[in-house]
């Protein structure tokens, strides 16, 4: 998985640069992705995920185990 958040499933978006003359050229809106280690109290180990900052906030709000379970159900993350 290249530039995709493993928790939220967000990807980069395509758009346009618009010049003053209204000339449009293609551009990418990149995600703010981070490789982050989270401590899993249930498994007693670190889990490394590629997550966006929105995904990090979601983990802090709902907890790691609940968020990973939700992402697995959506088919976004596959941990061993």
N, C-alpha and C. Protein backbone atom coordinates (compact mmCIF):
# COMPACT_ATOMS: atom_id res chain seq x y z
N UNK A 1 0.84 -1.17 0.00
CA UNK A 1 0.00 0.00 0.00
C UNK A 1 0.88 1.24 0.00
N UNK A 2 0.79 2.01 -1.03
CA UNK A 2 1.69 3.14 -1.17
C UNK A 2 1.25 4.31 -0.30
N UNK A 3 0.53 5.26 -0.85
CA UNK A 3 0.16 6.46 -0.11
C UNK A 3 -1.30 6.39 0.31
N UNK A 4 -1.58 5.43 1.21
CA UNK A 4 -2.94 5.22 1.71
C UNK A 4 -2.86 5.06 3.21
N UNK A 5 -3.76 5.73 3.92
CA UNK A 5 -3.84 5.60 5.37
C UNK A 5 -4.45 4.24 5.70
N UNK A 6 -3.82 3.49 6.60
CA UNK A 6 -4.29 2.16 6.94
C UNK A 6 -5.48 2.19 7.89
N UNK A 7 -5.78 3.32 8.48
CA UNK A 7 -6.91 3.43 9.39
C UNK A 7 -8.13 4.04 8.71
N UNK A 8 -7.96 5.16 8.05
CA UNK A 8 -9.11 5.85 7.45
C UNK A 8 -9.34 5.48 5.99
N UNK A 9 -8.30 4.98 5.31
CA UNK A 9 -8.43 4.64 3.90
C UNK A 9 -8.31 5.82 2.97
N UNK A 10 -7.89 6.96 3.50
CA UNK A 10 -7.75 8.16 2.68
C UNK A 10 -6.58 8.01 1.71
N UNK A 11 -6.74 8.56 0.50
CA UNK A 11 -5.71 8.53 -0.53
C UNK A 11 -5.41 9.95 -0.97
N UNK A 12 -4.37 10.08 -1.79
CA UNK A 12 -4.10 11.41 -2.34
C UNK A 12 -5.18 11.77 -3.34
N UNK A 13 -5.43 13.06 -3.48
CA UNK A 13 -6.47 13.54 -4.39
C UNK A 13 -5.82 14.27 -5.56
N UNK A 14 -6.51 14.27 -6.68
CA UNK A 14 -6.05 15.01 -7.86
C UNK A 14 -6.83 16.32 -7.94
N UNK A 15 -6.17 17.34 -8.43
CA UNK A 15 -6.82 18.63 -8.58
C UNK A 15 -6.09 19.47 -9.59
N UNK A 16 -6.35 20.75 -9.57
CA UNK A 16 -5.76 21.69 -10.52
C UNK A 16 -5.05 22.82 -9.80
N UNK A 17 -3.91 23.22 -10.35
CA UNK A 17 -3.33 24.51 -10.03
C UNK A 17 -4.01 25.51 -10.95
N UNK A 18 -4.53 26.59 -10.41
CA UNK A 18 -5.21 27.58 -11.24
C UNK A 18 -4.40 28.86 -11.21
N UNK A 19 -3.89 29.25 -12.38
CA UNK A 19 -3.10 30.47 -12.50
C UNK A 19 -4.03 31.68 -12.55
N UNK A 20 -3.44 32.86 -12.46
CA UNK A 20 -4.21 34.10 -12.52
C UNK A 20 -4.96 34.20 -13.86
N UNK A 21 -4.37 33.64 -14.92
CA UNK A 21 -5.00 33.67 -16.24
C UNK A 21 -6.01 32.54 -16.42
N UNK A 22 -6.34 31.84 -15.35
CA UNK A 22 -7.27 30.70 -15.33
C UNK A 22 -6.73 29.47 -16.05
N UNK A 23 -5.44 29.45 -16.35
CA UNK A 23 -4.81 28.28 -16.94
C UNK A 23 -4.72 27.19 -15.87
N UNK A 24 -5.17 25.99 -16.19
CA UNK A 24 -5.20 24.91 -15.22
C UNK A 24 -4.18 23.82 -15.55
N UNK A 25 -3.41 23.43 -14.56
CA UNK A 25 -2.49 22.31 -14.69
C UNK A 25 -2.75 21.34 -13.54
N UNK A 26 -2.54 20.05 -13.80
CA UNK A 26 -2.83 19.03 -12.79
C UNK A 26 -1.84 19.08 -11.63
N UNK A 27 -2.34 18.74 -10.45
CA UNK A 27 -1.50 18.64 -9.25
C UNK A 27 -2.08 17.58 -8.34
N UNK A 28 -1.28 17.17 -7.34
CA UNK A 28 -1.71 16.19 -6.34
C UNK A 28 -1.87 16.88 -4.99
N UNK A 29 -2.88 16.48 -4.26
CA UNK A 29 -3.04 16.88 -2.87
C UNK A 29 -2.59 15.67 -2.05
N UNK A 30 -1.40 15.75 -1.47
CA UNK A 30 -0.84 14.63 -0.74
C UNK A 30 -1.38 14.57 0.68
N UNK A 31 -1.35 13.38 1.25
CA UNK A 31 -1.74 13.19 2.64
C UNK A 31 -0.57 13.49 3.55
N UNK A 32 -0.91 13.74 4.79
CA UNK A 32 0.11 13.92 5.82
C UNK A 32 0.31 12.56 6.49
N UNK A 33 1.01 11.64 5.80
CA UNK A 33 1.19 10.27 6.28
C UNK A 33 2.42 10.16 7.16
N UNK A 34 2.28 9.37 8.21
CA UNK A 34 3.39 9.10 9.12
C UNK A 34 3.48 7.60 9.35
N UNK A 35 4.70 7.07 9.46
CA UNK A 35 4.90 5.70 9.93
C UNK A 35 5.01 5.80 11.44
N UNK A 36 4.03 5.24 12.14
CA UNK A 36 3.95 5.42 13.58
C UNK A 36 3.80 4.08 14.28
N UNK A 37 4.50 3.93 15.41
CA UNK A 37 4.39 2.72 16.23
C UNK A 37 3.41 2.99 17.35
N UNK A 38 2.49 2.06 17.53
CA UNK A 38 1.52 2.14 18.62
C UNK A 38 1.71 0.91 19.51
N UNK A 39 1.63 1.11 20.84
CA UNK A 39 1.75 0.00 21.76
C UNK A 39 0.39 -0.66 21.93
N UNK A 40 0.33 -1.94 21.66
CA UNK A 40 -0.89 -2.72 21.84
C UNK A 40 -0.83 -3.40 23.19
N UNK A 41 -1.68 -2.96 24.10
CA UNK A 41 -1.72 -3.53 25.44
C UNK A 41 -2.24 -4.97 25.39
N UNK A 42 -3.14 -5.23 24.47
CA UNK A 42 -3.73 -6.56 24.32
C UNK A 42 -2.70 -7.60 23.88
N UNK A 43 -1.85 -7.22 22.90
CA UNK A 43 -0.87 -8.15 22.34
C UNK A 43 0.52 -8.00 22.96
N UNK A 44 0.72 -6.98 23.80
CA UNK A 44 2.00 -6.69 24.44
C UNK A 44 3.12 -6.53 23.42
N UNK A 45 2.86 -5.76 22.37
CA UNK A 45 3.89 -5.49 21.35
C UNK A 45 3.56 -4.18 20.65
N UNK A 46 4.55 -3.66 19.91
CA UNK A 46 4.33 -2.47 19.10
C UNK A 46 3.74 -2.87 17.76
N UNK A 47 2.82 -2.07 17.26
CA UNK A 47 2.23 -2.25 15.94
C UNK A 47 2.58 -1.01 15.12
N UNK A 48 3.23 -1.21 13.98
CA UNK A 48 3.60 -0.10 13.11
C UNK A 48 2.56 0.06 12.03
N UNK A 49 2.03 1.28 11.91
CA UNK A 49 1.01 1.59 10.92
C UNK A 49 1.41 2.82 10.12
N UNK A 50 0.97 2.88 8.88
CA UNK A 50 1.14 4.08 8.07
C UNK A 50 -0.20 4.82 8.13
N UNK A 51 -0.23 5.89 8.93
CA UNK A 51 -1.48 6.58 9.21
C UNK A 51 -1.36 8.07 8.93
N UNK A 52 -2.50 8.66 8.58
CA UNK A 52 -2.59 10.10 8.44
C UNK A 52 -2.80 10.71 9.81
N UNK A 53 -2.67 12.01 9.91
CA UNK A 53 -2.86 12.67 11.19
C UNK A 53 -4.30 12.53 11.66
N UNK A 54 -5.24 12.47 10.74
CA UNK A 54 -6.63 12.23 11.09
C UNK A 54 -6.79 10.84 11.70
N UNK A 55 -6.06 9.86 11.16
CA UNK A 55 -6.08 8.51 11.70
C UNK A 55 -5.49 8.44 13.10
N UNK A 56 -4.43 9.22 13.36
CA UNK A 56 -3.82 9.26 14.69
C UNK A 56 -4.81 9.83 15.70
N UNK A 57 -5.53 10.88 15.32
CA UNK A 57 -6.54 11.46 16.20
C UNK A 57 -7.67 10.47 16.48
N UNK A 58 -8.04 9.69 15.46
CA UNK A 58 -9.09 8.69 15.63
C UNK A 58 -8.65 7.60 16.61
N UNK A 59 -7.37 7.18 16.53
CA UNK A 59 -6.84 6.18 17.46
C UNK A 59 -6.82 6.74 18.88
N UNK A 60 -6.42 7.99 19.04
CA UNK A 60 -6.39 8.59 20.37
C UNK A 60 -7.79 8.72 20.96
N UNK A 61 -8.77 8.96 20.11
CA UNK A 61 -10.14 9.15 20.59
C UNK A 61 -10.81 7.82 20.94
N UNK A 62 -10.72 6.83 20.04
CA UNK A 62 -11.47 5.58 20.20
C UNK A 62 -10.66 4.44 20.78
N UNK A 63 -9.36 4.56 20.83
CA UNK A 63 -8.51 3.48 21.32
C UNK A 63 -7.98 2.66 20.15
N UNK A 64 -6.81 2.05 20.35
CA UNK A 64 -6.12 1.33 19.28
C UNK A 64 -6.88 0.08 18.85
N UNK A 65 -7.31 -0.73 19.81
CA UNK A 65 -7.94 -2.01 19.48
C UNK A 65 -9.25 -1.81 18.73
N UNK A 66 -10.07 -0.87 19.19
CA UNK A 66 -11.37 -0.61 18.54
C UNK A 66 -11.17 -0.06 17.13
N UNK A 67 -10.19 0.82 16.97
CA UNK A 67 -9.95 1.42 15.66
C UNK A 67 -9.41 0.40 14.67
N UNK A 68 -8.50 -0.47 15.11
CA UNK A 68 -7.95 -1.50 14.23
C UNK A 68 -9.04 -2.50 13.85
N UNK A 69 -9.91 -2.83 14.79
CA UNK A 69 -11.01 -3.76 14.49
C UNK A 69 -11.94 -3.16 13.43
N UNK A 70 -12.21 -1.87 13.53
CA UNK A 70 -13.05 -1.18 12.55
C UNK A 70 -12.38 -1.15 11.18
N UNK A 71 -11.05 -0.91 11.15
CA UNK A 71 -10.31 -0.86 9.89
C UNK A 71 -10.22 -2.25 9.26
N UNK A 72 -10.08 -3.30 10.07
CA UNK A 72 -10.05 -4.67 9.54
C UNK A 72 -11.39 -5.03 8.91
N UNK A 73 -12.47 -4.60 9.56
CA UNK A 73 -13.81 -4.87 9.04
C UNK A 73 -14.01 -4.19 7.70
N UNK A 74 -13.43 -3.00 7.54
CA UNK A 74 -13.52 -2.27 6.28
C UNK A 74 -12.51 -2.77 5.25
N UNK A 75 -11.59 -3.66 5.65
CA UNK A 75 -10.60 -4.23 4.74
C UNK A 75 -9.42 -3.33 4.47
N UNK A 76 -9.10 -2.43 5.41
CA UNK A 76 -8.02 -1.47 5.19
C UNK A 76 -6.68 -1.94 5.75
N UNK A 77 -6.71 -2.68 6.83
CA UNK A 77 -5.46 -3.09 7.48
C UNK A 77 -5.46 -4.61 7.59
N UNK A 78 -4.29 -5.20 7.36
CA UNK A 78 -4.15 -6.65 7.53
C UNK A 78 -2.91 -6.92 8.37
N UNK A 79 -3.15 -7.12 9.66
CA UNK A 79 -2.07 -7.41 10.59
C UNK A 79 -2.03 -8.90 10.89
N UNK A 80 -0.83 -9.40 11.14
CA UNK A 80 -0.66 -10.82 11.44
C UNK A 80 -0.76 -11.04 12.93
